[in-house]
Amino acid sequence: MEPLTIDPELNRLALEEAAGQFPEFAGKAAGVVARPLFRGYAWQLEWRGSPPEGQQAWEFQNAAVRAYKRLAGIQDKT
């Protein structure tokens, strides 16, 4: 599978949207990444420094990934 190019502007918008829900993580994430797998991609955040712990950090990551995929028009195949 080929690497997926992440749009920097959509990445910024997705992080801003997620930070609106979880302001405690604003500025802590470097951006959304999509790592290629055999089938599909593993979507996650790259953090600046050590990733924060706890459920809220996971929720922030999920919100940022969902926002990026929505803004980029990416739909998961089932």
PDB file of N, CA and C in Angstrom:
ATOM      1  N   MET A   1       0.845  -1.173   0.000  1.00  0.00           N
ATOM      2  CA  MET A   1       0.000   0.000   0.000  1.00  0.00           C
ATOM      3  C   MET A   1       0.890   1.236   0.000  1.00  0.00           C
ATOM      4  N   GLU A   2       0.513   2.216  -0.784  1.00  0.00           N
ATOM      5  CA  GLU A   2       1.285   3.453  -0.899  1.00  0.00           C
ATOM      6  C   GLU A   2       0.986   4.386   0.271  1.00  0.00           C
ATOM      7  N   PRO A   3       1.977   5.169   0.674  1.00  0.00           N
ATOM      8  CA  PRO A   3       1.729   6.154   1.726  1.00  0.00           C
ATOM      9  C   PRO A   3       0.661   7.154   1.290  1.00  0.00           C
ATOM     10  N   LEU A   4      -0.082   7.627   2.233  1.00  0.00           N
ATOM     11  CA  LEU A   4      -1.130   8.613   1.990  1.00  0.00           C
ATOM     12  C   LEU A   4      -0.562   9.990   2.314  1.00  0.00           C
ATOM     13  N   THR A   5      -0.711  10.930   1.408  1.00  0.00           N
ATOM     14  CA  THR A   5      -0.224  12.284   1.642  1.00  0.00           C
ATOM     15  C   THR A   5      -1.248  13.041   2.485  1.00  0.00           C
ATOM     16  N   ILE A   6      -0.788  13.595   3.586  1.00  0.00           N
ATOM     17  CA  ILE A   6      -1.651  14.353   4.487  1.00  0.00           C
ATOM     18  C   ILE A   6      -1.576  15.824   4.099  1.00  0.00           C
ATOM     19  N   ASP A   7      -2.729  16.433   3.874  1.00  0.00           N
ATOM     20  CA  ASP A   7      -2.812  17.848   3.515  1.00  0.00           C
ATOM     21  C   ASP A   7      -2.545  18.692   4.767  1.00  0.00           C
ATOM     22  N   PRO A   8      -1.514  19.529   4.754  1.00  0.00           N
ATOM     23  CA  PRO A   8      -1.167  20.310   5.952  1.00  0.00           C
ATOM     24  C   PRO A   8      -2.284  21.240   6.437  1.00  0.00           C
ATOM     25  N   GLU A   9      -3.021  21.835   5.514  1.00  0.00           N
ATOM     26  CA  GLU A   9      -4.102  22.747   5.916  1.00  0.00           C
ATOM     27  C   GLU A   9      -5.257  21.978   6.554  1.00  0.00           C
ATOM     28  N   LEU A  10      -5.626  20.850   5.966  1.00  0.00           N
ATOM     29  CA  LEU A  10      -6.689  20.036   6.565  1.00  0.00           C
ATOM     30  C   LEU A  10      -6.239  19.485   7.910  1.00  0.00           C
ATOM     31  N   ASN A  11      -4.965  19.155   8.011  1.00  0.00           N
ATOM     32  CA  ASN A  11      -4.403  18.673   9.267  1.00  0.00           C
ATOM     33  C   ASN A  11      -4.554  19.750  10.353  1.00  0.00           C
ATOM     34  N   ARG A  12      -4.194  20.972  10.008  1.00  0.00           N
ATOM     35  CA  ARG A  12      -4.313  22.086  10.957  1.00  0.00           C
ATOM     36  C   ARG A  12      -5.762  22.291  11.381  1.00  0.00           C
ATOM     37  N   LEU A  13      -6.681  22.269  10.413  1.00  0.00           N
ATOM     38  CA  LEU A  13      -8.100  22.443  10.720  1.00  0.00           C
ATOM     39  C   LEU A  13      -8.635  21.323  11.599  1.00  0.00           C
ATOM     40  N   ALA A  14      -8.210  20.099  11.334  1.00  0.00           N
ATOM     41  CA  ALA A  14      -8.658  18.953  12.136  1.00  0.00           C
ATOM     42  C   ALA A  14      -8.167  19.079  13.578  1.00  0.00           C
ATOM     43  N   LEU A  15      -6.920  19.491  13.752  1.00  0.00           N
ATOM     44  CA  LEU A  15      -6.383  19.661  15.109  1.00  0.00           C
ATOM     45  C   LEU A  15      -7.098  20.794  15.840  1.00  0.00           C
ATOM     46  N   GLU A  16      -7.404  21.863  15.132  1.00  0.00           N
ATOM     47  CA  GLU A  16      -8.147  22.965  15.748  1.00  0.00           C
ATOM     48  C   GLU A  16      -9.541  22.520  16.179  1.00  0.00           C
ATOM     49  N   GLU A  17     -10.190  21.733  15.330  1.00  0.00           N
ATOM     50  CA  GLU A  17     -11.525  21.242  15.657  1.00  0.00           C
ATOM     51  C   GLU A  17     -11.482  20.349  16.892  1.00  0.00           C
ATOM     52  N   ALA A  18     -10.524  19.444  16.938  1.00  0.00           N
ATOM     53  CA  ALA A  18     -10.403  18.547  18.091  1.00  0.00           C
ATOM     54  C   ALA A  18     -10.048  19.335  19.351  1.00  0.00           C
ATOM     55  N   ALA A  19      -9.205  20.355  19.221  1.00  0.00           N
ATOM     56  CA  ALA A  19      -8.828  21.178  20.376  1.00  0.00           C
ATOM     57  C   ALA A  19     -10.013  21.982  20.896  1.00  0.00           C
ATOM     58  N   GLY A  20     -10.987  22.248  20.034  1.00  0.00           N
ATOM     59  CA  GLY A  20     -12.202  22.917  20.485  1.00  0.00           C
ATOM     60  C   GLY A  20     -12.978  22.065  21.478  1.00  0.00           C
ATOM     61  N   GLN A  21     -12.894  20.739  21.315  1.00  0.00           N
ATOM     62  CA  GLN A  21     -13.567  19.807  22.224  1.00  0.00           C
ATOM     63  C   GLN A  21     -12.678  19.462  23.425  1.00  0.00           C
ATOM     64  N   PHE A  22     -11.377  19.459  23.208  1.00  0.00           N
ATOM     65  CA  PHE A  22     -10.410  19.067  24.235  1.00  0.00           C
ATOM     66  C   PHE A  22      -9.290  20.105  24.297  1.00  0.00           C
ATOM     67  N   PRO A  23      -9.580  21.289  24.837  1.00  0.00           N
ATOM     68  CA  PRO A  23      -8.596  22.378  24.804  1.00  0.00           C
ATOM     69  C   PRO A  23      -7.303  22.074  25.559  1.00  0.00           C
ATOM     70  N   GLU A  24      -7.346  21.124  26.483  1.00  0.00           N
ATOM     71  CA  GLU A  24      -6.140  20.797  27.246  1.00  0.00           C
ATOM     72  C   GLU A  24      -5.041  20.188  26.370  1.00  0.00           C
ATOM     73  N   PHE A  25      -5.391  19.745  25.149  1.00  0.00           N
ATOM     74  CA  PHE A  25      -4.401  19.154  24.250  1.00  0.00           C
ATOM     75  C   PHE A  25      -3.995  20.081  23.109  1.00  0.00           C
ATOM     76  N   ALA A  26      -4.523  21.295  23.107  1.00  0.00           N
ATOM     77  CA  ALA A  26      -4.182  22.247  22.047  1.00  0.00           C
ATOM     78  C   ALA A  26      -2.673  22.475  22.021  1.00  0.00           C
ATOM     79  N   GLY A  27      -2.092  22.339  20.848  1.00  0.00           N
ATOM     80  CA  GLY A  27      -0.669  22.565  20.681  1.00  0.00           C
ATOM     81  C   GLY A  27       0.222  21.392  21.048  1.00  0.00           C
ATOM     82  N   LYS A  28      -0.344  20.309  21.570  1.00  0.00           N
ATOM     83  CA  LYS A  28       0.469  19.153  21.969  1.00  0.00           C
ATOM     84  C   LYS A  28       0.628  18.125  20.857  1.00  0.00           C
ATOM     85  N   ALA A  29      -0.249  18.169  19.857  1.00  0.00           N
ATOM     86  CA  ALA A  29      -0.180  17.198  18.763  1.00  0.00           C
ATOM     87  C   ALA A  29       0.515  17.819  17.563  1.00  0.00           C
ATOM     88  N   ALA A  30       1.391  17.053  16.934  1.00  0.00           N
ATOM     89  CA  ALA A  30       2.079  17.521  15.736  1.00  0.00           C
ATOM     90  C   ALA A  30       1.191  17.372  14.510  1.00  0.00           C
ATOM     91  N   GLY A  31       0.365  16.335  14.482  1.00  0.00           N
ATOM     92  CA  GLY A  31      -0.524  16.166  13.343  1.00  0.00           C
ATOM     93  C   GLY A  31      -1.029  14.754  13.177  1.00  0.00           C
ATOM     94  N   VAL A  32      -2.020  14.628  12.330  1.00  0.00           N
ATOM     95  CA  VAL A  32      -2.610  13.337  11.978  1.00  0.00           C
ATOM     96  C   VAL A  32      -1.689  12.642  10.974  1.00  0.00           C
ATOM     97  N   VAL A  33      -1.497  11.354  11.152  1.00  0.00           N
ATOM     98  CA  VAL A  33      -0.723  10.552  10.207  1.00  0.00           C
ATOM     99  C   VAL A  33      -1.529   9.312   9.837  1.00  0.00           C
ATOM    100  N   ALA A  34      -1.259   8.806   8.646  1.00  0.00           N
ATOM    101  CA  ALA A  34      -1.884   7.571   8.170  1.00  0.00           C
ATOM    102  C   ALA A  34      -0.763   6.620   7.772  1.00  0.00           C
ATOM    103  N   ARG A  35      -0.546   5.620   8.584  1.00  0.00           N
ATOM    104  CA  ARG A  35       0.523   4.659   8.318  1.00  0.00           C
ATOM    105  C   ARG A  35      -0.050   3.498   7.505  1.00  0.00           C
ATOM    106  N   PRO A  36       0.582   3.182   6.369  1.00  0.00           N
ATOM    107  CA  PRO A  36       0.043   2.116   5.522  1.00  0.00           C
ATOM    108  C   PRO A  36       0.149   0.745   6.188  1.00  0.00           C
ATOM    109  N   LEU A  37      -0.915  -0.013   6.022  1.00  0.00           N
ATOM    110  CA  LEU A  37      -0.981  -1.403   6.459  1.00  0.00           C
ATOM    111  C   LEU A  37      -1.119  -2.276   5.220  1.00  0.00           C
ATOM    112  N   PHE A  38      -1.205  -3.564   5.405  1.00  0.00           N
ATOM    113  CA  PHE A  38      -1.433  -4.456   4.276  1.00  0.00           C
ATOM    114  C   PHE A  38      -2.729  -4.066   3.565  1.00  0.00           C
ATOM    115  N   ARG A  39      -3.773  -3.796   4.350  1.00  0.00           N
ATOM    116  CA  ARG A  39      -5.048  -3.303   3.822  1.00  0.00           C
ATOM    117  C   ARG A  39      -5.438  -2.073   4.621  1.00  0.00           C
ATOM    118  N   GLY A  40      -5.492  -0.945   3.975  1.00  0.00           N
ATOM    119  CA  GLY A  40      -5.911   0.279   4.644  1.00  0.00           C
ATOM    120  C   GLY A  40      -4.768   0.997   5.334  1.00  0.00           C
ATOM    121  N   TYR A  41      -5.146   1.812   6.308  1.00  0.00           N
ATOM    122  CA  TYR A  41      -4.188   2.648   7.022  1.00  0.00           C
ATOM    123  C   TYR A  41      -4.464   2.616   8.510  1.00  0.00           C
ATOM    124  N   ALA A  42      -3.429   2.813   9.295  1.00  0.00           N
ATOM    125  CA  ALA A  42      -3.566   3.017  10.730  1.00  0.00           C
ATOM    126  C   ALA A  42      -3.511   4.528  10.953  1.00  0.00           C
ATOM    127  N   TRP A  43      -4.619   5.090  11.370  1.00  0.00           N
ATOM    128  CA  TRP A  43      -4.716   6.531  11.587  1.00  0.00           C
ATOM    129  C   TRP A  43      -4.381   6.838  13.040  1.00  0.00           C
ATOM    130  N   GLN A  44      -3.530   7.827  13.260  1.00  0.00           N
ATOM    131  CA  GLN A  44      -3.173   8.209  14.617  1.00  0.00           C
ATOM    132  C   GLN A  44      -2.597   9.616  14.621  1.00  0.00           C
ATOM    133  N   LEU A  45      -2.287  10.083  15.815  1.00  0.00           N
ATOM    134  CA  LEU A  45      -1.640  11.382  15.963  1.00  0.00           C
ATOM    135  C   LEU A  45      -0.171  11.187  16.292  1.00  0.00           C
ATOM    136  N   GLU A  46       0.626  12.098  15.791  1.00  0.00           N
ATOM    137  CA  GLU A  46       1.996  12.206  16.272  1.00  0.00           C
ATOM    138  C   GLU A  46       1.977  13.367  17.257  1.00  0.00           C
ATOM    139  N   TRP A  47       2.591  13.142  18.400  1.00  0.00           N
ATOM    140  CA  TRP A  47       2.598  14.138  19.463  1.00  0.00           C
ATOM    141  C   TRP A  47       3.929  14.859  19.517  1.00  0.00           C
ATOM    142  N   ARG A  48       3.893  16.060  20.009  1.00  0.00           N
ATOM    143  CA  ARG A  48       5.120  16.803  20.313  1.00  0.00           C
ATOM    144  C   ARG A  48       5.550  16.339  21.706  1.00  0.00           C
ATOM    145  N   GLY A  49       6.672  15.680  21.776  1.00  0.00           N
ATOM    146  CA  GLY A  49       7.114  15.136  23.060  1.00  0.00           C
ATOM    147  C   GLY A  49       6.377  13.843  23.372  1.00  0.00           C
ATOM    148  N   SER A  50       6.333  13.507  24.626  1.00  0.00           N
ATOM    149  CA  SER A  50       5.671  12.270  25.057  1.00  0.00           C
ATOM    150  C   SER A  50       4.161  12.409  24.922  1.00  0.00           C
ATOM    151  N   PRO A  51       3.503  11.359  24.422  1.00  0.00           N
ATOM    152  CA  PRO A  51       2.042  11.437  24.317  1.00  0.00           C
ATOM    153  C   PRO A  51       1.402  11.459  25.704  1.00  0.00           C
ATOM    154  N   PRO A  52       0.350  12.237  25.853  1.00  0.00           N
ATOM    155  CA  PRO A  52      -0.345  12.263  27.144  1.00  0.00           C
ATOM    156  C   PRO A  52      -1.069  10.939  27.385  1.00  0.00           C
ATOM    157  N   GLU A  53      -1.318  10.654  28.628  1.00  0.00           N
ATOM    158  CA  GLU A  53      -2.016   9.416  28.991  1.00  0.00           C
ATOM    159  C   GLU A  53      -3.474   9.717  29.297  1.00  0.00           C
ATOM    160  N   GLY A  54      -4.262   8.662  29.297  1.00  0.00           N
ATOM    161  CA  GLY A  54      -5.641   8.774  29.726  1.00  0.00           C
ATOM    162  C   GLY A  54      -6.650   8.744  28.595  1.00  0.00           C
ATOM    163  N   GLN A  55      -7.881   8.541  28.991  1.00  0.00           N
ATOM    164  CA  GLN A  55      -8.990   8.412  28.044  1.00  0.00           C
ATOM    165  C   GLN A  55      -9.197   9.679  27.228  1.00  0.00           C
ATOM    166  N   GLN A  56      -9.019  10.848  27.855  1.00  0.00           N
ATOM    167  CA  GLN A  56      -9.240  12.102  27.135  1.00  0.00           C
ATOM    168  C   GLN A  56      -8.249  12.274  25.986  1.00  0.00           C
ATOM    169  N   ALA A  57      -7.021  11.789  26.151  1.00  0.00           N
ATOM    170  CA  ALA A  57      -6.031  11.858  25.063  1.00  0.00           C
ATOM    171  C   ALA A  57      -6.486  10.990  23.894  1.00  0.00           C
ATOM    172  N   TRP A  58      -7.030   9.810  24.202  1.00  0.00           N
ATOM    173  CA  TRP A  58      -7.563   8.938  23.144  1.00  0.00           C
ATOM    174  C   TRP A  58      -8.737   9.600  22.444  1.00  0.00           C
ATOM    175  N   GLU A  59      -9.599  10.233  23.210  1.00  0.00           N
ATOM    176  CA  GLU A  59     -10.762  10.909  22.625  1.00  0.00           C
ATOM    177  C   GLU A  59     -10.316  12.073  21.735  1.00  0.00           C
ATOM    178  N   PHE A  60      -9.296  12.801  22.165  1.00  0.00           N
ATOM    179  CA  PHE A  60      -8.756  13.885  21.347  1.00  0.00           C
ATOM    180  C   PHE A  60      -8.216  13.324  20.032  1.00  0.00           C
ATOM    181  N   GLN A  61      -7.437  12.252  20.118  1.00  0.00           N
ATOM    182  CA  GLN A  61      -6.899  11.632  18.901  1.00  0.00           C
ATOM    183  C   GLN A  61      -8.030  11.200  17.977  1.00  0.00           C
ATOM    184  N   ASN A  62      -9.037  10.540  18.524  1.00  0.00           N
ATOM    185  CA  ASN A  62     -10.158  10.081  17.702  1.00  0.00           C
ATOM    186  C   ASN A  62     -10.888  11.253  17.054  1.00  0.00           C
ATOM    187  N   ALA A  63     -11.072  12.334  17.807  1.00  0.00           N
ATOM    188  CA  ALA A  63     -11.751  13.511  17.254  1.00  0.00           C
ATOM    189  C   ALA A  63     -10.934  14.125  16.120  1.00  0.00           C
ATOM    190  N   ALA A  64      -9.614  14.191  16.283  1.00  0.00           N
ATOM    191  CA  ALA A  64      -8.760  14.774  15.245  1.00  0.00           C
ATOM    192  C   ALA A  64      -8.764  13.907  13.985  1.00  0.00           C
ATOM    193  N   VAL A  65      -8.681  12.598  14.157  1.00  0.00           N
ATOM    194  CA  VAL A  65      -8.682  11.692  13.002  1.00  0.00           C
ATOM    195  C   VAL A  65     -10.027  11.762  12.275  1.00  0.00           C
ATOM    196  N   ARG A  66     -11.121  11.712  13.031  1.00  0.00           N
ATOM    197  CA  ARG A  66     -12.453  11.808  12.402  1.00  0.00           C
ATOM    198  C   ARG A  66     -12.599  13.119  11.646  1.00  0.00           C
ATOM    199  N   ALA A  67     -12.149  14.214  12.252  1.00  0.00           N
ATOM    200  CA  ALA A  67     -12.255  15.521  11.605  1.00  0.00           C
ATOM    201  C   ALA A  67     -11.425  15.556  10.320  1.00  0.00           C
ATOM    202  N   TYR A  68     -10.200  15.036  10.378  1.00  0.00           N
ATOM    203  CA  TYR A  68      -9.361  15.037   9.176  1.00  0.00           C
ATOM    204  C   TYR A  68     -10.025  14.226   8.057  1.00  0.00           C
ATOM    205  N   LYS A  69     -10.482  13.038   8.381  1.00  0.00           N
ATOM    206  CA  LYS A  69     -11.085  12.177   7.361  1.00  0.00           C
ATOM    207  C   LYS A  69     -12.335  12.826   6.765  1.00  0.00           C
ATOM    208  N   ARG A  70     -13.132  13.480   7.610  1.00  0.00           N
ATOM    209  CA  ARG A  70     -14.342  14.167   7.121  1.00  0.00           C
ATOM    210  C   ARG A  70     -13.936  15.321   6.195  1.00  0.00           C
ATOM    211  N   LEU A  71     -12.984  16.147   6.637  1.00  0.00           N
ATOM    212  CA  LEU A  71     -12.554  17.290   5.826  1.00  0.00           C
ATOM    213  C   LEU A  71     -11.928  16.860   4.512  1.00  0.00           C
ATOM    214  N   ALA A  72     -11.228  15.733   4.509  1.00  0.00           N
ATOM    215  CA  ALA A  72     -10.565  15.236   3.292  1.00  0.00           C
ATOM    216  C   ALA A  72     -11.489  14.379   2.431  1.00  0.00           C
ATOM    217  N   GLY A  73     -12.689  14.102   2.926  1.00  0.00           N
ATOM    218  CA  GLY A  73     -13.626  13.283   2.161  1.00  0.00           C
ATOM    219  C   GLY A  73     -13.233  11.815   2.097  1.00  0.00           C
ATOM    220  N   ILE A  74     -12.562  11.340   3.137  1.00  0.00           N
ATOM    221  CA  ILE A  74     -12.116   9.935   3.185  1.00  0.00           C
ATOM    222  C   ILE A  74     -13.160   9.120   3.939  1.00  0.00           C
ATOM    223  N   GLN A  75     -13.626   8.072   3.317  1.00  0.00           N
ATOM    224  CA  GLN A  75     -14.600   7.185   3.933  1.00  0.00           C
ATOM    225  C   GLN A  75     -13.958   5.822   4.160  1.00  0.00           C
ATOM    226  N   ASP A  76     -14.237   5.251   5.339  1.00  0.00           N
ATOM    227  CA  ASP A  76     -13.731   3.915   5.623  1.00  0.00           C
ATOM    228  C   ASP A  76     -14.512   2.904   4.809  1.00  0.00           C
ATOM    229  N   LYS A  77     -13.799   1.921   4.290  1.00  0.00           N
ATOM    230  CA  LYS A  77     -14.447   0.832   3.558  1.00  0.00           C
ATOM    231  C   LYS A  77     -14.725  -0.281   4.548  1.00  0.00           C
ATOM    232  N   THR A  78     -15.914  -0.825   4.484  1.00  0.00           N
ATOM    233  CA  THR A  78     -16.261  -1.904   5.406  1.00  0.00           C
ATOM    234  C   THR A  78     -16.272  -3.228   4.713  1.00  0.00           C
TER     235      THR A  78
END
